[in-house]
Amino acid sequence: MDDKIIFGKGENLVCLLPEMANRHGLIAGATGTGKTVSLKVLAESFSDMGPLLLSRLMELNETQSSILNITFKIADDMGMLILDLKDLKAVLRFIGDNSKELRTEYGNMSPQSIGAIQRRLQSQ
């Protein structure tokens, strides 16, 4: 169950596979049927997946996804908060400006791949 988001349970668990999540969804039901709770569960589950979900939503390739993961690691290690896309763009800019210094600890992050991620963010 580690890679599944438990969405609800009754007689059986209702799960969402992260790879099936996309930008669109509909939660409908009568008053008191759990729409708000369902959205809260989804939001909390997606926030723990940060770069993984974001990579899928932006349709990044494997190299770009790896760099996005490293971006979140660098931000965490340096105490930089990524609360929104503006913060993410700032961290990517920092990485681009300091890639030579960061390469030793985090690996090579090509300007082309960083640029591709930044272009994807512009279209979001």
PDB file of N, CA and C in Angstrom:
ATOM      1  N   MET A   1       0.814  -1.211   0.000  1.00  0.00           N
ATOM      2  CA  MET A   1       0.000   0.000   0.000  1.00  0.00           C
ATOM      3  C   MET A   1       0.856   1.273   0.000  1.00  0.00           C
ATOM      4  N   ASP A   2       2.198   1.143   0.047  1.00  0.00           N
ATOM      5  CA  ASP A   2       3.056   2.312   0.158  1.00  0.00           C
ATOM      6  C   ASP A   2       2.907   3.286  -0.994  1.00  0.00           C
ATOM      7  N   ASP A   3       2.704   2.771  -2.202  1.00  0.00           N
ATOM      8  CA  ASP A   3       2.639   3.650  -3.357  1.00  0.00           C
ATOM      9  C   ASP A   3       1.215   4.043  -3.721  1.00  0.00           C
ATOM     10  N   LYS A   4       0.266   3.722  -2.891  1.00  0.00           N
ATOM     11  CA  LYS A   4      -1.132   4.048  -3.155  1.00  0.00           C
ATOM     12  C   LYS A   4      -1.625   5.067  -2.139  1.00  0.00           C
ATOM     13  N   ILE A   5      -2.556   5.891  -2.588  1.00  0.00           N
ATOM     14  CA  ILE A   5      -3.185   6.853  -1.688  1.00  0.00           C
ATOM     15  C   ILE A   5      -4.518   6.262  -1.259  1.00  0.00           C
ATOM     16  N   ILE A   6      -4.638   5.985   0.034  1.00  0.00           N
ATOM     17  CA  ILE A   6      -5.906   5.455   0.546  1.00  0.00           C
ATOM     18  C   ILE A   6      -6.900   6.605   0.566  1.00  0.00           C
ATOM     19  N   PHE A   7      -7.944   6.447  -0.186  1.00  0.00           N
ATOM     20  CA  PHE A   7      -8.905   7.503  -0.420  1.00  0.00           C
ATOM     21  C   PHE A   7     -10.166   7.308   0.409  1.00  0.00           C
ATOM     22  N   GLY A   8     -10.453   6.092   0.758  1.00  0.00           N
ATOM     23  CA  GLY A   8     -11.640   5.796   1.538  1.00  0.00           C
ATOM     24  C   GLY A   8     -11.680   4.328   1.886  1.00  0.00           C
ATOM     25  N   LYS A   9     -12.539   3.983   2.821  1.00  0.00           N
ATOM     26  CA  LYS A   9     -12.674   2.571   3.147  1.00  0.00           C
ATOM     27  C   LYS A   9     -14.072   2.290   3.651  1.00  0.00           C
ATOM     28  N   GLY A  10     -14.498   1.135   3.343  1.00  0.00           N
ATOM     29  CA  GLY A  10     -15.775   0.596   3.777  1.00  0.00           C
ATOM     30  C   GLY A  10     -15.515  -0.880   3.944  1.00  0.00           C
ATOM     31  N   GLU A  11     -16.205  -1.692   3.171  1.00  0.00           N
ATOM     32  CA  GLU A  11     -15.874  -3.118   3.158  1.00  0.00           C
ATOM     33  C   GLU A  11     -14.496  -3.334   2.552  1.00  0.00           C
ATOM     34  N   ASN A  12     -14.115  -2.506   1.596  1.00  0.00           N
ATOM     35  CA  ASN A  12     -12.811  -2.569   0.939  1.00  0.00           C
ATOM     36  C   ASN A  12     -12.164  -1.194   0.966  1.00  0.00           C
ATOM     37  N   LEU A  13     -10.817  -1.163   0.847  1.00  0.00           N
ATOM     38  CA  LEU A  13     -10.116   0.102   0.718  1.00  0.00           C
ATOM     39  C   LEU A  13     -10.323   0.645  -0.691  1.00  0.00           C
ATOM     40  N   VAL A  14     -10.458   1.943  -0.790  1.00  0.00           N
ATOM     41  CA  VAL A  14     -10.524   2.622  -2.081  1.00  0.00           C
ATOM     42  C   VAL A  14      -9.225   3.402  -2.204  1.00  0.00           C
ATOM     43  N   CYS A  15      -8.434   3.063  -3.233  1.00  0.00           N
ATOM     44  CA  CYS A  15      -7.114   3.667  -3.382  1.00  0.00           C
ATOM     45  C   CYS A  15      -6.970   4.359  -4.722  1.00  0.00           C
ATOM     46  N   LEU A  16      -6.100   5.364  -4.741  1.00  0.00           N
ATOM     47  CA  LEU A  16      -5.737   6.071  -5.961  1.00  0.00           C
ATOM     48  C   LEU A  16      -4.272   5.799  -6.213  1.00  0.00           C
ATOM     49  N   LEU A  17      -3.955   5.330  -7.403  1.00  0.00           N
ATOM     50  CA  LEU A  17      -2.563   5.122  -7.778  1.00  0.00           C
ATOM     51  C   LEU A  17      -1.970   6.471  -8.172  1.00  0.00           C
ATOM     52  N   PRO A  18      -0.841   6.880  -7.582  1.00  0.00           N
ATOM     53  CA  PRO A  18      -0.264   8.194  -7.895  1.00  0.00           C
ATOM     54  C   PRO A  18      -0.033   8.411  -9.381  1.00  0.00           C
ATOM     55  N   GLU A  19       0.348   7.364 -10.106  1.00  0.00           N
ATOM     56  CA  GLU A  19       0.590   7.547 -11.538  1.00  0.00           C
ATOM     57  C   GLU A  19      -0.684   7.830 -12.330  1.00  0.00           C
ATOM     58  N   MET A  20      -1.829   7.612 -11.708  1.00  0.00           N
ATOM     59  CA  MET A  20      -3.103   7.896 -12.370  1.00  0.00           C
ATOM     60  C   MET A  20      -3.639   9.284 -12.004  1.00  0.00           C
ATOM     61  N   ALA A  21      -2.959   9.975 -11.099  1.00  0.00           N
ATOM     62  CA  ALA A  21      -3.397  11.324 -10.703  1.00  0.00           C
ATOM     63  C   ALA A  21      -3.013  12.312 -11.803  1.00  0.00           C
ATOM     64  N   ASN A  22      -3.878  13.251 -12.053  1.00  0.00           N
ATOM     65  CA  ASN A  22      -3.577  14.314 -13.008  1.00  0.00           C
ATOM     66  C   ASN A  22      -4.160  15.615 -12.492  1.00  0.00           C
ATOM     67  N   ARG A  23      -4.224  16.605 -13.315  1.00  0.00           N
ATOM     68  CA  ARG A  23      -4.672  17.931 -12.871  1.00  0.00           C
ATOM     69  C   ARG A  23      -6.163  18.042 -12.644  1.00  0.00           C
ATOM     70  N   HIS A  24      -6.928  17.120 -13.161  1.00  0.00           N
ATOM     71  CA  HIS A  24      -8.371  17.269 -13.139  1.00  0.00           C
ATOM     72  C   HIS A  24      -9.033  16.204 -12.270  1.00  0.00           C
ATOM     73  N   GLY A  25     -10.086  16.584 -11.635  1.00  0.00           N
ATOM     74  CA  GLY A  25     -10.836  15.639 -10.828  1.00  0.00           C
ATOM     75  C   GLY A  25     -12.184  16.238 -10.450  1.00  0.00           C
ATOM     76  N   LEU A  26     -13.044  15.381  -9.993  1.00  0.00           N
ATOM     77  CA  LEU A  26     -14.375  15.824  -9.580  1.00  0.00           C
ATOM     78  C   LEU A  26     -14.735  15.073  -8.317  1.00  0.00           C
ATOM     79  N   ILE A  27     -15.138  15.813  -7.327  1.00  0.00           N
ATOM     80  CA  ILE A  27     -15.649  15.219  -6.097  1.00  0.00           C
ATOM     81  C   ILE A  27     -17.068  15.750  -5.954  1.00  0.00           C
ATOM     82  N   ALA A  28     -18.028  14.859  -6.035  1.00  0.00           N
ATOM     83  CA  ALA A  28     -19.429  15.267  -5.971  1.00  0.00           C
ATOM     84  C   ALA A  28     -20.163  14.399  -4.967  1.00  0.00           C
ATOM     85  N   GLY A  29     -21.208  14.937  -4.401  1.00  0.00           N
ATOM     86  CA  GLY A  29     -22.018  14.187  -3.466  1.00  0.00           C
ATOM     87  C   GLY A  29     -22.928  15.116  -2.693  1.00  0.00           C
ATOM     88  N   ALA A  30     -23.859  14.530  -2.002  1.00  0.00           N
ATOM     89  CA  ALA A  30     -24.808  15.299  -1.204  1.00  0.00           C
ATOM     90  C   ALA A  30     -24.119  15.849   0.045  1.00  0.00           C
ATOM     91  N   THR A  31     -24.769  16.780   0.691  1.00  0.00           N
ATOM     92  CA  THR A  31     -24.273  17.352   1.932  1.00  0.00           C
ATOM     93  C   THR A  31     -24.019  16.248   2.949  1.00  0.00           C
ATOM     94  N   GLY A  32     -22.840  16.319   3.576  1.00  0.00           N
ATOM     95  CA  GLY A  32     -22.526  15.366   4.641  1.00  0.00           C
ATOM     96  C   GLY A  32     -21.984  14.027   4.176  1.00  0.00           C
ATOM     97  N   THR A  33     -21.623  13.902   2.891  1.00  0.00           N
ATOM     98  CA  THR A  33     -21.139  12.611   2.400  1.00  0.00           C
ATOM     99  C   THR A  33     -19.616  12.490   2.400  1.00  0.00           C
ATOM    100  N   GLY A  34     -18.906  13.552   2.837  1.00  0.00           N
ATOM    101  CA  GLY A  34     -17.456  13.445   2.981  1.00  0.00           C
ATOM    102  C   GLY A  34     -16.630  14.087   1.885  1.00  0.00           C
ATOM    103  N   LYS A  35     -17.189  15.020   1.139  1.00  0.00           N
ATOM    104  CA  LYS A  35     -16.433  15.676   0.063  1.00  0.00           C
ATOM    105  C   LYS A  35     -15.241  16.438   0.626  1.00  0.00           C
ATOM    106  N   THR A  36     -15.440  17.215   1.653  1.00  0.00           N
ATOM    107  CA  THR A  36     -14.366  18.008   2.242  1.00  0.00           C
ATOM    108  C   THR A  36     -13.284  17.107   2.816  1.00  0.00           C
ATOM    109  N   VAL A  37     -13.669  16.065   3.510  1.00  0.00           N
ATOM    110  CA  VAL A  37     -12.696  15.125   4.074  1.00  0.00           C
ATOM    111  C   VAL A  37     -11.908  14.454   2.955  1.00  0.00           C
ATOM    112  N   SER A  38     -12.594  14.097   1.875  1.00  0.00           N
ATOM    113  CA  SER A  38     -11.920  13.468   0.738  1.00  0.00           C
ATOM    114  C   SER A  38     -10.871  14.401   0.141  1.00  0.00           C
ATOM    115  N   LEU A  39     -11.222  15.659  -0.036  1.00  0.00           N
ATOM    116  CA  LEU A  39     -10.267  16.627  -0.574  1.00  0.00           C
ATOM    117  C   LEU A  39      -9.093  16.830   0.370  1.00  0.00           C
ATOM    118  N   LYS A  40      -9.356  16.844   1.668  1.00  0.00           N
ATOM    119  CA  LYS A  40      -8.287  16.998   2.656  1.00  0.00           C
ATOM    120  C   LYS A  40      -7.325  15.817   2.584  1.00  0.00           C
ATOM    121  N   VAL A  41      -7.853  14.619   2.491  1.00  0.00           N
ATOM    122  CA  VAL A  41      -7.012  13.418   2.383  1.00  0.00           C
ATOM    123  C   VAL A  41      -6.154  13.489   1.125  1.00  0.00           C
ATOM    124  N   LEU A  42      -6.752  13.869   0.018  1.00  0.00           N
ATOM    125  CA  LEU A  42      -5.995  13.982  -1.233  1.00  0.00           C
ATOM    126  C   LEU A  42      -4.907  15.041  -1.135  1.00  0.00           C
ATOM    127  N   ALA A  43      -5.251  16.214  -0.624  1.00  0.00           N
ATOM    128  CA  ALA A  43      -4.276  17.303  -0.517  1.00  0.00           C
ATOM    129  C   ALA A  43      -3.102  16.901   0.371  1.00  0.00           C
ATOM    130  N   GLU A  44      -3.386  16.269   1.504  1.00  0.00           N
ATOM    131  CA  GLU A  44      -2.312  15.834   2.397  1.00  0.00           C
ATOM    132  C   GLU A  44      -1.450  14.766   1.744  1.00  0.00           C
ATOM    133  N   SER A  45      -2.053  13.847   1.035  1.00  0.00           N
ATOM    134  CA  SER A  45      -1.300  12.780   0.379  1.00  0.00           C
ATOM    135  C   SER A  45      -0.430  13.328  -0.740  1.00  0.00           C
ATOM    136  N   PHE A  46      -0.965  14.237  -1.528  1.00  0.00           N
ATOM    137  CA  PHE A  46      -0.194  14.801  -2.632  1.00  0.00           C
ATOM    138  C   PHE A  46       0.967  15.651  -2.120  1.00  0.00           C
ATOM    139  N   SER A  47       0.781  16.379  -0.995  1.00  0.00           N
ATOM    140  CA  SER A  47       1.855  17.244  -0.499  1.00  0.00           C
ATOM    141  C   SER A  47       3.059  16.413  -0.061  1.00  0.00           C
ATOM    142  N   ASP A  48       2.911  15.167   0.357  1.00  0.00           N
ATOM    143  CA  ASP A  48       4.066  14.330   0.723  1.00  0.00           C
ATOM    144  C   ASP A  48       4.788  13.807  -0.506  1.00  0.00           C
ATOM    145  N   MET A  49       4.192  13.975  -1.713  1.00  0.00           N
ATOM    146  CA  MET A  49       4.795  13.439  -2.930  1.00  0.00           C
ATOM    147  C   MET A  49       5.526  14.525  -3.712  1.00  0.00           C
ATOM    148  N   GLY A  50       5.521  15.773  -3.270  1.00  0.00           N
ATOM    149  CA  GLY A  50       6.152  16.928  -3.893  1.00  0.00           C
ATOM    150  C   GLY A  50       6.716  16.749  -5.293  1.00  0.00           C
ATOM    151  N   PRO A  51       8.021  16.461  -5.409  1.00  0.00           N
ATOM    152  CA  PRO A  51       8.640  16.421  -6.736  1.00  0.00           C
ATOM    153  C   PRO A  51       8.124  15.297  -7.621  1.00  0.00           C
ATOM    154  N   LEU A  52       7.707  14.191  -7.039  1.00  0.00           N
ATOM    155  CA  LEU A  52       7.196  13.075  -7.840  1.00  0.00           C
ATOM    156  C   LEU A  52       5.924  13.480  -8.584  1.00  0.00           C
ATOM    157  N   LEU A  53       4.966  14.018  -7.861  1.00  0.00           N
ATOM    158  CA  LEU A  53       3.713  14.438  -8.489  1.00  0.00           C
ATOM    159  C   LEU A  53       3.949  15.589  -9.452  1.00  0.00           C
ATOM    160  N   LEU A  54       4.766  16.541  -9.049  1.00  0.00           N
ATOM    161  CA  LEU A  54       5.047  17.694  -9.896  1.00  0.00           C
ATOM    162  C   LEU A  54       5.710  17.263 -11.200  1.00  0.00           C
ATOM    163  N   SER A  55       6.621  16.312 -11.128  1.00  0.00           N
ATOM    164  CA  SER A  55       7.281  15.788 -12.335  1.00  0.00           C
ATOM    165  C   SER A  55       6.268  15.184 -13.292  1.00  0.00           C
ATOM    166  N   ARG A  56       5.330  14.450 -12.739  1.00  0.00           N
ATOM    167  CA  ARG A  56       4.310  13.817 -13.583  1.00  0.00           C
ATOM    168  C   ARG A  56       3.378  14.849 -14.198  1.00  0.00           C
ATOM    169  N   LEU A  57       2.990  15.833 -13.398  1.00  0.00           N
ATOM    170  CA  LEU A  57       2.089  16.862 -13.910  1.00  0.00           C
ATOM    171  C   LEU A  57       2.743  17.689 -15.009  1.00  0.00           C
ATOM    172  N   MET A  58       4.059  17.923 -14.887  1.00  0.00           N
ATOM    173  CA  MET A  58       4.769  18.713 -15.884  1.00  0.00           C
ATOM    174  C   MET A  58       5.305  17.850 -17.024  1.00  0.00           C
ATOM    175  N   GLU A  59       5.083  16.536 -16.936  1.00  0.00           N
ATOM    176  CA  GLU A  59       5.529  15.585 -17.957  1.00  0.00           C
ATOM    177  C   GLU A  59       7.030  15.698 -18.215  1.00  0.00           C
ATOM    178  N   LEU A  60       7.815  15.704 -17.121  1.00  0.00           N
ATOM    179  CA  LEU A  60       9.270  15.786 -17.226  1.00  0.00           C
ATOM    180  C   LEU A  60       9.847  14.422 -17.584  1.00  0.00           C
ATOM    181  N   ASN A  61      10.985  14.433 -18.271  1.00  0.00           N
ATOM    182  CA  ASN A  61      11.656  13.166 -18.551  1.00  0.00           C
ATOM    183  C   ASN A  61      12.429  12.716 -17.310  1.00  0.00           C
ATOM    184  N   GLU A  62      13.072  11.569 -17.393  1.00  0.00           N
ATOM    185  CA  GLU A  62      13.740  10.996 -16.217  1.00  0.00           C
ATOM    186  C   GLU A  62      14.838  11.903 -15.666  1.00  0.00           C
ATOM    187  N   THR A  63      15.632  12.489 -16.548  1.00  0.00           N
ATOM    188  CA  THR A  63      16.709  13.388 -16.109  1.00  0.00           C
ATOM    189  C   THR A  63      16.143  14.622 -15.427  1.00  0.00           C
ATOM    190  N   GLN A  64      15.131  15.224 -16.036  1.00  0.00           N
ATOM    191  CA  GLN A  64      14.515  16.411 -15.452  1.00  0.00           C
ATOM    192  C   GLN A  64      13.845  16.097 -14.121  1.00  0.00           C
ATOM    193  N   SER A  65      13.200  14.935 -14.018  1.00  0.00           N
ATOM    194  CA  SER A  65      12.579  14.512 -12.757  1.00  0.00           C
ATOM    195  C   SER A  65      13.626  14.348 -11.672  1.00  0.00           C
ATOM    196  N   SER A  66      14.768  13.781 -12.040  1.00  0.00           N
ATOM    197  CA  SER A  66      15.864  13.608 -11.084  1.00  0.00           C
ATOM    198  C   SER A  66      16.348  14.964 -10.574  1.00  0.00           C
ATOM    199  N   ILE A  67      16.479  15.912 -11.477  1.00  0.00           N
ATOM    200  CA  ILE A  67      16.914  17.256 -11.078  1.00  0.00           C
ATOM    201  C   ILE A  67      15.873  17.924 -10.186  1.00  0.00           C
ATOM    202  N   LEU A  68      14.605  17.705 -10.467  1.00  0.00           N
ATOM    203  CA  LEU A  68      13.564  18.269  -9.611  1.00  0.00           C
ATOM    204  C   LEU A  68      13.646  17.672  -8.201  1.00  0.00           C
ATOM    205  N   ASN A  69      13.905  16.362  -8.110  1.00  0.00           N
ATOM    206  CA  ASN A  69      14.098  15.731  -6.798  1.00  0.00           C
ATOM    207  C   ASN A  69      15.285  16.350  -6.070  1.00  0.00           C
ATOM    208  N   ILE A  70      16.391  16.547  -6.798  1.00  0.00           N
ATOM    209  CA  ILE A  70      17.576  17.160  -6.198  1.00  0.00           C
ATOM    210  C   ILE A  70      17.268  18.588  -5.764  1.00  0.00           C
ATOM    211  N   THR A  71      16.459  19.289  -6.541  1.00  0.00           N
ATOM    212  CA  THR A  71      16.078  20.662  -6.208  1.00  0.00           C
ATOM    213  C   THR A  71      15.396  20.717  -4.842  1.00  0.00           C
ATOM    214  N   PHE A  72      14.460  19.805  -4.609  1.00  0.00           N
ATOM    215  CA  PHE A  72      13.780  19.761  -3.317  1.00  0.00           C
ATOM    216  C   PHE A  72      14.755  19.382  -2.201  1.00  0.00           C
ATOM    217  N   LYS A  73      15.707  18.496  -2.485  1.00  0.00           N
ATOM    218  CA  LYS A  73      16.716  18.092  -1.484  1.00  0.00           C
ATOM    219  C   LYS A  73      17.606  19.276  -1.129  1.00  0.00           C
ATOM    220  N   ILE A  74      18.062  19.998  -2.147  1.00  0.00           N
ATOM    221  CA  ILE A  74      18.901  21.172  -1.897  1.00  0.00           C
ATOM    222  C   ILE A  74      18.133  22.206  -1.072  1.00  0.00           C
ATOM    223  N   ALA A  75      16.888  22.472  -1.447  1.00  0.00           N
ATOM    224  CA  ALA A  75      16.076  23.429  -0.699  1.00  0.00           C
ATOM    225  C   ALA A  75      15.936  23.004   0.756  1.00  0.00           C
ATOM    226  N   ASP A  76      15.703  21.719   0.970  1.00  0.00           N
ATOM    227  CA  ASP A  76      15.574  21.200   2.335  1.00  0.00           C
ATOM    228  C   ASP A  76      16.885  21.341   3.097  1.00  0.00           C
ATOM    229  N   ASP A  77      17.989  20.951   2.468  1.00  0.00           N
ATOM    230  CA  ASP A  77      19.300  21.030   3.125  1.00  0.00           C
ATOM    231  C   ASP A  77      19.693  22.456   3.474  1.00  0.00           C
ATOM    232  N   MET A  78      19.269  23.413   2.667  1.00  0.00           N
ATOM    233  CA  MET A  78      19.668  24.811   2.860  1.00  0.00           C
ATOM    234  C   MET A  78      18.603  25.646   3.553  1.00  0.00           C
ATOM    235  N   GLY A  79      17.530  24.994   4.000  1.00  0.00           N
ATOM    236  CA  GLY A  79      16.482  25.705   4.726  1.00  0.00           C
ATOM    237  C   GLY A  79      15.653  26.637   3.860  1.00  0.00           C
ATOM    238  N   MET A  80      15.594  26.346   2.560  1.00  0.00           N
ATOM    239  CA  MET A  80      14.781  27.152   1.650  1.00  0.00           C
ATOM    240  C   MET A  80      13.391  26.532   1.568  1.00  0.00           C
ATOM    241  N   LEU A  81      12.367  27.325   1.751  1.00  0.00           N
ATOM    242  CA  LEU A  81      11.005  26.820   1.659  1.00  0.00           C
ATOM    243  C   LEU A  81      10.524  26.851   0.214  1.00  0.00           C
ATOM    244  N   ILE A  82       9.853  25.792  -0.201  1.00  0.00           N
ATOM    245  CA  ILE A  82       9.182  25.783  -1.498  1.00  0.00           C
ATOM    246  C   ILE A  82       7.688  25.671  -1.208  1.00  0.00           C
ATOM    247  N   LEU A  83       7.045  26.833  -1.155  1.00  0.00           N
ATOM    248  CA  LEU A  83       5.621  26.878  -0.855  1.00  0.00           C
ATOM    249  C   LEU A  83       4.764  27.043  -2.098  1.00  0.00           C
ATOM    250  N   ASP A  84       5.369  27.575  -3.154  1.00  0.00           N
ATOM    251  CA  ASP A  84       4.621  27.790  -4.395  1.00  0.00           C
ATOM    252  C   ASP A  84       5.579  27.757  -5.575  1.00  0.00           C
ATOM    253  N   LEU A  85       5.056  27.957  -6.777  1.00  0.00           N
ATOM    254  CA  LEU A  85       5.888  27.897  -7.978  1.00  0.00           C
ATOM    255  C   LEU A  85       6.929  29.013  -8.005  1.00  0.00           C
ATOM    256  N   LYS A  86       6.611  30.149  -7.425  1.00  0.00           N
ATOM    257  CA  LYS A  86       7.577  31.256  -7.351  1.00  0.00           C
ATOM    258  C   LYS A  86       8.808  30.826  -6.548  1.00  0.00           C
ATOM    259  N   ASP A  87       8.586  30.138  -5.430  1.00  0.00           N
ATOM    260  CA  ASP A  87       9.699  29.633  -4.618  1.00  0.00           C
ATOM    261  C   ASP A  87      10.505  28.593  -5.388  1.00  0.00           C
ATOM    262  N   LEU A  88       9.812  27.709  -6.093  1.00  0.00           N
ATOM    263  CA  LEU A  88      10.501  26.677  -6.869  1.00  0.00           C
ATOM    264  C   LEU A  88      11.368  27.305  -7.951  1.00  0.00           C
ATOM    265  N   LYS A  89      10.858  28.321  -8.620  1.00  0.00           N
ATOM    266  CA  LYS A  89      11.632  29.015  -9.648  1.00  0.00           C
ATOM    267  C   LYS A  89      12.874  29.659  -9.043  1.00  0.00           C
ATOM    268  N   ALA A  90      12.730  30.229  -7.844  1.00  0.00           N
ATOM    269  CA  ALA A  90      13.869  30.867  -7.176  1.00  0.00           C
ATOM    270  C   ALA A  90      14.944  29.837  -6.822  1.00  0.00           C
ATOM    271  N   VAL A  91      14.543  28.667  -6.354  1.00  0.00           N
ATOM    272  CA  VAL A  91      15.518  27.628  -6.010  1.00  0.00           C
ATOM    273  C   VAL A  91      16.205  27.123  -7.278  1.00  0.00           C
ATOM    274  N   LEU A  92      15.449  26.939  -8.353  1.00  0.00           N
ATOM    275  CA  LEU A  92      16.062  26.520  -9.621  1.00  0.00           C
ATOM    276  C   LEU A  92      17.058  27.565 -10.122  1.00  0.00           C
ATOM    277  N   ARG A  93      16.723  28.838  -9.967  1.00  0.00           N
ATOM    278  CA  ARG A  93      17.635  29.919 -10.352  1.00  0.00           C
ATOM    279  C   ARG A  93      18.910  29.851  -9.511  1.00  0.00           C
ATOM    280  N   PHE A  94      18.758  29.633  -8.217  1.00  0.00           N
ATOM    281  CA  PHE A  94      19.903  29.489  -7.315  1.00  0.00           C
ATOM    282  C   PHE A  94      20.795  28.327  -7.758  1.00  0.00           C
ATOM    283  N   ILE A  95      20.174  27.202  -8.086  1.00  0.00           N
ATOM    284  CA  ILE A  95      20.935  26.029  -8.526  1.00  0.00           C
ATOM    285  C   ILE A  95      21.677  26.330  -9.820  1.00  0.00           C
ATOM    286  N   GLY A  96      21.007  26.972 -10.760  1.00  0.00           N
ATOM    287  CA  GLY A  96      21.657  27.336 -12.015  1.00  0.00           C
ATOM    288  C   GLY A  96      22.852  28.249 -11.793  1.00  0.00           C
ATOM    289  N   ASP A  97      22.698  29.207 -10.896  1.00  0.00           N
ATOM    290  CA  ASP A  97      23.777  30.160 -10.613  1.00  0.00           C
ATOM    291  C   ASP A  97      24.928  29.533  -9.836  1.00  0.00           C
ATOM    292  N   ASN A  98      24.666  28.451  -9.103  1.00  0.00           N
ATOM    293  CA  ASN A  98      25.675  27.845  -8.241  1.00  0.00           C
ATOM    294  C   ASN A  98      25.945  26.380  -8.580  1.00  0.00           C
ATOM    295  N   SER A  99      25.670  25.999  -9.803  1.00  0.00           N
ATOM    296  CA  SER A  99      25.757  24.578 -10.168  1.00  0.00           C
ATOM    297  C   SER A  99      27.154  23.991  -9.974  1.00  0.00           C
ATOM    298  N   LYS A 100      28.195  24.778 -10.222  1.00  0.00           N
ATOM    299  CA  LYS A 100      29.567  24.259 -10.062  1.00  0.00           C
ATOM    300  C   LYS A 100      29.841  23.898  -8.600  1.00  0.00           C
ATOM    301  N   GLU A 101      29.402  24.743  -7.685  1.00  0.00           N
ATOM    302  CA  GLU A 101      29.626  24.481  -6.261  1.00  0.00           C
ATOM    303  C   GLU A 101      28.761  23.326  -5.759  1.00  0.00           C
ATOM    304  N   LEU A 102      27.564  23.189  -6.306  1.00  0.00           N
ATOM    305  CA  LEU A 102      26.637  22.150  -5.850  1.00  0.00           C
ATOM    306  C   LEU A 102      26.935  20.777  -6.465  1.00  0.00           C
ATOM    307  N   ARG A 103      27.629  20.760  -7.596  1.00  0.00           N
ATOM    308  CA  ARG A 103      27.894  19.523  -8.337  1.00  0.00           C
ATOM    309  C   ARG A 103      28.588  18.465  -7.486  1.00  0.00           C
ATOM    310  N   THR A 104      29.539  18.877  -6.659  1.00  0.00           N
ATOM    311  CA  THR A 104      30.303  17.921  -5.854  1.00  0.00           C
ATOM    312  C   THR A 104      29.412  17.120  -4.920  1.00  0.00           C
ATOM    313  N   GLU A 105      28.459  17.788  -4.310  1.00  0.00           N
ATOM    314  CA  GLU A 105      27.602  17.101  -3.337  1.00  0.00           C
ATOM    315  C   GLU A 105      26.357  16.467  -3.956  1.00  0.00           C
ATOM    316  N   TYR A 106      25.799  17.104  -4.979  1.00  0.00           N
ATOM    317  CA  TYR A 106      24.499  16.654  -5.494  1.00  0.00           C
ATOM    318  C   TYR A 106      24.550  16.058  -6.899  1.00  0.00           C
ATOM    319  N   GLY A 107      25.677  16.156  -7.567  1.00  0.00           N
ATOM    320  CA  GLY A 107      25.795  15.639  -8.928  1.00  0.00           C
ATOM    321  C   GLY A 107      25.589  16.740  -9.955  1.00  0.00           C
ATOM    322  N   ASN A 108      25.883  16.396 -11.197  1.00  0.00           N
ATOM    323  CA  ASN A 108      25.790  17.365 -12.285  1.00  0.00           C
ATOM    324  C   ASN A 108      24.334  17.674 -12.636  1.00  0.00           C
ATOM    325  N   MET A 109      24.052  18.948 -12.758  1.00  0.00           N
ATOM    326  CA  MET A 109      22.721  19.399 -13.168  1.00  0.00           C
ATOM    327  C   MET A 109      22.928  20.360 -14.324  1.00  0.00           C
ATOM    328  N   SER A 110      22.687  19.879 -15.527  1.00  0.00           N
ATOM    329  CA  SER A 110      22.995  20.682 -16.712  1.00  0.00           C
ATOM    330  C   SER A 110      22.078  21.900 -16.809  1.00  0.00           C
ATOM    331  N   PRO A 111      22.632  22.996 -17.319  1.00  0.00           N
ATOM    332  CA  PRO A 111      21.803  24.198 -17.525  1.00  0.00           C
ATOM    333  C   PRO A 111      20.628  23.925 -18.465  1.00  0.00           C
ATOM    334  N   GLN A 112      20.832  23.020 -19.425  1.00  0.00           N
ATOM    335  CA  GLN A 112      19.764  22.701 -20.369  1.00  0.00           C
ATOM    336  C   GLN A 112      18.572  22.051 -19.661  1.00  0.00           C
ATOM    337  N   SER A 113      18.862  21.116 -18.742  1.00  0.00           N
ATOM    338  CA  SER A 113      17.785  20.449 -18.012  1.00  0.00           C
ATOM    339  C   SER A 113      17.093  21.398 -17.045  1.00  0.00           C
ATOM    340  N   ILE A 114      17.869  22.222 -16.373  1.00  0.00           N
ATOM    341  CA  ILE A 114      17.278  23.222 -15.473  1.00  0.00           C
ATOM    342  C   ILE A 114      16.403  24.172 -16.284  1.00  0.00           C
ATOM    343  N   GLY A 115      16.893  24.591 -17.455  1.00  0.00           N
ATOM    344  CA  GLY A 115      16.118  25.474 -18.329  1.00  0.00           C
ATOM    345  C   GLY A 115      14.829  24.826 -18.797  1.00  0.00           C
ATOM    346  N   ALA A 116      14.880  23.527 -19.104  1.00  0.00           N
ATOM    347  CA  ALA A 116      13.669  22.823 -19.544  1.00  0.00           C
ATOM    348  C   ALA A 116      12.614  22.810 -18.438  1.00  0.00           C
ATOM    349  N   ILE A 117      13.052  22.602 -17.194  1.00  0.00           N
ATOM    350  CA  ILE A 117      12.114  22.616 -16.062  1.00  0.00           C
ATOM    351  C   ILE A 117      11.532  24.023 -15.895  1.00  0.00           C
ATOM    352  N   GLN A 118      12.389  25.039 -16.000  1.00  0.00           N
ATOM    353  CA  GLN A 118      11.911  26.416 -15.860  1.00  0.00           C
ATOM    354  C   GLN A 118      10.895  26.765 -16.951  1.00  0.00           C
ATOM    355  N   ARG A 119      11.123  26.301 -18.172  1.00  0.00           N
ATOM    356  CA  ARG A 119      10.160  26.558 -19.253  1.00  0.00           C
ATOM    357  C   ARG A 119       8.825  25.877 -18.972  1.00  0.00           C
ATOM    358  N   ARG A 120       8.885  24.652 -18.433  1.00  0.00           N
ATOM    359  CA  ARG A 120       7.641  23.941 -18.083  1.00  0.00           C
ATOM    360  C   ARG A 120       6.876  24.707 -17.006  1.00  0.00           C
ATOM    361  N   LEU A 121       7.618  25.255 -16.047  1.00  0.00           N
ATOM    362  CA  LEU A 121       6.965  26.018 -14.977  1.00  0.00           C
ATOM    363  C   LEU A 121       6.289  27.280 -15.523  1.00  0.00           C
ATOM    364  N   GLN A 122       6.857  27.871 -16.563  1.00  0.00           N
ATOM    365  CA  GLN A 122       6.274  29.084 -17.166  1.00  0.00           C
ATOM    366  C   GLN A 122       4.914  28.765 -17.779  1.00  0.00           C
ATOM    367  N   SER A 123       4.743  27.524 -18.241  1.00  0.00           N
ATOM    368  CA  SER A 123       3.488  27.170 -18.909  1.00  0.00           C
ATOM    369  C   SER A 123       2.436  26.662 -17.931  1.00  0.00           C
ATOM    370  N   GLN A 124       2.766  26.532 -16.656  1.00  0.00           N
ATOM    371  CA  GLN A 124       1.816  26.024 -15.659  1.00  0.00           C
ATOM    372  C   GLN A 124       0.928  27.124 -15.147  1.00  0.00           C
TER     373      GLN A 124
END
